[in-house]
Amino acid sequence: MFGRSRITLDKALLTRVQRHAVQSGYSSAEEFITHVLEREMAHLERAASDEEVKKRLQGLGYLD
């Protein structure tokens, strides 16, 4: 359950990831991918949270 997982990327995408990782100063493509995924997940979670707040405010009559 815990430990490393493996994913497969097509060659072209992996090349782009490696290039951006180096340009951005990451120690590895894996570190870059982890950071990008964490950032995107936080964004998605914030959006879901914002939607919940909006629904609650609508339920209370503050929003139409």
Protein backbone atom coordinates (compact mmCIF):
# COMPACT_ATOMS: atom_id res chain seq x y z
CA MET A 1 0.00 0.00 0.00
CA PHE A 2 2.78 2.45 0.83
CA GLY A 3 5.88 3.02 -1.20
CA ARG A 4 6.65 3.96 -4.72
CA SER A 5 4.19 3.64 -7.54
CA ARG A 6 5.04 3.56 -11.19
CA ILE A 7 3.33 5.40 -13.98
CA THR A 8 4.04 5.36 -17.68
CA LEU A 9 4.40 8.49 -19.78
CA ASP A 10 4.79 8.54 -23.52
CA LYS A 11 8.27 9.47 -24.70
CA ALA A 12 7.39 12.94 -25.94
CA LEU A 13 5.73 13.92 -22.65
CA LEU A 14 8.57 12.49 -20.59
CA THR A 15 11.07 14.49 -22.63
CA ARG A 16 9.09 17.68 -22.00
CA VAL A 17 8.82 16.89 -18.27
CA GLN A 18 12.55 16.26 -18.01
CA ARG A 19 13.35 19.50 -19.86
CA HIS A 20 11.06 21.58 -17.64
CA ALA A 21 12.35 19.89 -14.50
CA VAL A 22 15.93 20.85 -15.36
CA GLN A 23 14.96 24.40 -16.40
CA SER A 24 12.99 24.89 -13.19
CA GLY A 25 15.76 23.61 -10.93
CA TYR A 26 14.16 20.38 -9.74
CA SER A 27 16.49 17.56 -8.77
CA SER A 28 14.57 15.04 -10.89
CA ALA A 29 11.60 14.60 -13.19
CA GLU A 30 9.88 12.73 -10.35
CA GLU A 31 10.24 15.73 -8.03
CA PHE A 32 8.83 18.01 -10.74
CA ILE A 33 5.87 15.68 -11.42
CA THR A 34 5.12 15.38 -7.70
CA HIS A 35 5.12 19.17 -7.29
CA VAL A 36 2.90 19.73 -10.33
CA LEU A 37 0.42 17.07 -9.20
CA GLU A 38 0.30 18.41 -5.64
CA ARG A 39 -0.32 21.94 -6.93
CA GLU A 40 -3.09 20.78 -9.28
CA MET A 41 -4.74 18.66 -6.57
CA ALA A 42 -4.76 21.65 -4.20
CA HIS A 43 -6.36 23.73 -6.94
CA LEU A 44 -9.06 21.11 -7.53
CA GLU A 45 -9.71 20.75 -3.80
CA ARG A 46 -10.04 24.53 -3.41
CA ALA A 47 -12.50 24.62 -6.30
CA ALA A 48 -14.58 21.87 -4.70
CA SER A 49 -14.46 23.74 -1.39
CA ASP A 50 -15.49 27.00 -3.07
CA GLU A 51 -18.43 25.21 -4.68
CA GLU A 52 -19.53 23.88 -1.28
CA VAL A 53 -19.41 27.37 0.20
CA LYS A 54 -21.43 28.73 -2.74
CA LYS A 55 -24.10 26.04 -2.28
CA ARG A 56 -24.32 26.75 1.46
CA LEU A 57 -24.69 30.48 0.84
CA GLN A 58 -27.40 29.80 -1.74
CA GLY A 59 -29.18 27.56 0.77
CA LEU A 60 -29.09 30.38 3.29
CA GLY A 61 -30.49 32.79 0.75
CA TYR A 62 -27.39 34.95 0.42
CA LEU A 63 -26.87 34.07 -3.25
CA ASP A 64 -29.30 33.55 -6.09
